[in-house]
Amino acid sequence: MYVPLWVKSHYSFLEGTCSPEALVNEAARLQLPAVALTDKHGLYGMVQAHTAAKAAGIKLLVGAELSVQPGSA
């Protein structure tokens, strides 16, 4: 079973192009059981993705790509 785990929406500027709803709807069209939304530095599209995933009947995996600067820990 294939599930994409590193997917970026248009909220990840210069990296993603689609809205969270479009990403979830495409995953549903492809009959995937789940899809992840892992935007850069935040959870900006999670509400939209959650609503679309619930309507499409697929699971949404929540994540984010974070950058840590040396010496910040």
C-alpha atoms as a PDB file:
ATOM      1  CA  MET A   1       0.000   0.000   0.000  1.00  0.00           C
ATOM      2  CA  TYR A   2       1.402   3.384  -1.017  1.00  0.00           C
ATOM      3  CA  VAL A   3       0.796   6.507   1.037  1.00  0.00           C
ATOM      4  CA  PRO A   4       2.643   9.762   0.267  1.00  0.00           C
ATOM      5  CA  LEU A   5       4.238  11.052   3.467  1.00  0.00           C
ATOM      6  CA  TRP A   6       5.951  14.240   2.261  1.00  0.00           C
ATOM      7  CA  VAL A   7       3.384  16.451   0.533  1.00  0.00           C
ATOM      8  CA  LYS A   8       3.438  20.242   0.432  1.00  0.00           C
ATOM      9  CA  SER A   9       0.548  22.575  -0.346  1.00  0.00           C
ATOM     10  CA  HIS A  10       0.678  26.106  -1.684  1.00  0.00           C
ATOM     11  CA  TYR A  11       1.303  27.256   1.896  1.00  0.00           C
ATOM     12  CA  SER A  12       4.906  26.066   1.460  1.00  0.00           C
ATOM     13  CA  PHE A  13       5.960  28.989  -0.704  1.00  0.00           C
ATOM     14  CA  LEU A  14       8.061  28.085  -3.750  1.00  0.00           C
ATOM     15  CA  GLU A  15       7.713  24.360  -2.953  1.00  0.00           C
ATOM     16  CA  GLY A  16       4.032  23.430  -3.273  1.00  0.00           C
ATOM     17  CA  THR A  17       1.451  24.550  -5.823  1.00  0.00           C
ATOM     18  CA  CYS A  18      -1.908  22.983  -4.928  1.00  0.00           C
ATOM     19  CA  SER A  19      -4.399  23.838  -2.232  1.00  0.00           C
ATOM     20  CA  PRO A  20      -4.771  21.370   0.645  1.00  0.00           C
ATOM     21  CA  GLU A  21      -8.241  20.452  -0.654  1.00  0.00           C
ATOM     22  CA  ALA A  22      -6.892  19.704  -4.137  1.00  0.00           C
ATOM     23  CA  LEU A  23      -4.171  17.457  -2.710  1.00  0.00           C
ATOM     24  CA  VAL A  24      -6.648  15.469  -0.626  1.00  0.00           C
ATOM     25  CA  ASN A  25      -9.125  15.226  -3.492  1.00  0.00           C
ATOM     26  CA  GLU A  26      -6.419  13.920  -5.820  1.00  0.00           C
ATOM     27  CA  ALA A  27      -5.408  11.316  -3.231  1.00  0.00           C
ATOM     28  CA  ALA A  28      -9.051  10.233  -3.009  1.00  0.00           C
ATOM     29  CA  ARG A  29      -9.313  10.107  -6.815  1.00  0.00           C
ATOM     30  CA  LEU A  30      -6.266   7.828  -6.876  1.00  0.00           C
ATOM     31  CA  GLN A  31      -7.971   5.659  -4.222  1.00  0.00           C
ATOM     32  CA  LEU A  32      -5.208   6.146  -1.680  1.00  0.00           C
ATOM     33  CA  PRO A  33      -6.199   5.195   1.884  1.00  0.00           C
ATOM     34  CA  ALA A  34      -4.375   8.201   3.346  1.00  0.00           C
ATOM     35  CA  VAL A  35      -2.253  11.227   2.531  1.00  0.00           C
ATOM     36  CA  ALA A  36       0.068  13.403   4.602  1.00  0.00           C
ATOM     37  CA  LEU A  37       0.283  17.181   4.546  1.00  0.00           C
ATOM     38  CA  THR A  38       3.741  18.330   5.638  1.00  0.00           C
ATOM     39  CA  ASP A  39       4.019  22.039   4.885  1.00  0.00           C
ATOM     40  CA  LYS A  40       7.203  23.900   5.679  1.00  0.00           C
ATOM     41  CA  HIS A  41       7.380  25.633   9.073  1.00  0.00           C
ATOM     42  CA  GLY A  42       3.719  25.305   9.998  1.00  0.00           C
ATOM     43  CA  LEU A  43       0.328  23.632   9.928  1.00  0.00           C
ATOM     44  CA  TYR A  44      -1.287  26.312   7.783  1.00  0.00           C
ATOM     45  CA  GLY A  45      -3.536  24.107   5.644  1.00  0.00           C
ATOM     46  CA  MET A  46      -4.563  21.512   8.208  1.00  0.00           C
ATOM     47  CA  VAL A  47      -8.139  22.706   8.748  1.00  0.00           C
ATOM     48  CA  GLN A  48      -8.838  22.711   5.011  1.00  0.00           C
ATOM     49  CA  ALA A  49      -7.109  19.350   4.511  1.00  0.00           C
ATOM     50  CA  HIS A  50      -8.938  17.788   7.472  1.00  0.00           C
ATOM     51  CA  THR A  51     -12.317  18.940   6.163  1.00  0.00           C
ATOM     52  CA  ALA A  52     -11.567  17.583   2.680  1.00  0.00           C
ATOM     53  CA  ALA A  53     -10.203  14.271   4.015  1.00  0.00           C
ATOM     54  CA  LYS A  54     -13.244  13.752   6.208  1.00  0.00           C
ATOM     55  CA  ALA A  55     -15.560  14.395   3.240  1.00  0.00           C
ATOM     56  CA  ALA A  56     -13.497  12.076   0.990  1.00  0.00           C
ATOM     57  CA  GLY A  57     -13.286   9.313   3.593  1.00  0.00           C
ATOM     58  CA  ILE A  58      -9.490   9.052   3.691  1.00  0.00           C
ATOM     59  CA  LYS A  59      -7.065   9.453   6.574  1.00  0.00           C
ATOM     60  CA  LEU A  60      -5.005  12.608   6.920  1.00  0.00           C
ATOM     61  CA  LEU A  61      -1.532  12.378   8.429  1.00  0.00           C
ATOM     62  CA  VAL A  62      -0.469  15.641  10.048  1.00  0.00           C
ATOM     63  CA  GLY A  63       3.109  16.859   9.952  1.00  0.00           C
ATOM     64  CA  ALA A  64       5.404  19.782   9.265  1.00  0.00           C
ATOM     65  CA  GLU A  65       8.926  20.258   7.982  1.00  0.00           C
ATOM     66  CA  LEU A  66      10.901  22.324  10.474  1.00  0.00           C
ATOM     67  CA  SER A  67      14.355  23.775  10.125  1.00  0.00           C
ATOM     68  CA  VAL A  68      16.507  24.043  13.225  1.00  0.00           C
ATOM     69  CA  GLN A  69      19.357  26.496  13.324  1.00  0.00           C
ATOM     70  CA  PRO A  70      22.664  25.367  14.906  1.00  0.00           C
ATOM     71  CA  GLY A  71      22.856  26.431  18.542  1.00  0.00           C
ATOM     72  CA  SER A  72      19.120  27.011  18.931  1.00  0.00           C
ATOM     73  CA  ALA A  73      18.464  23.953  21.087  1.00  0.00           C
END
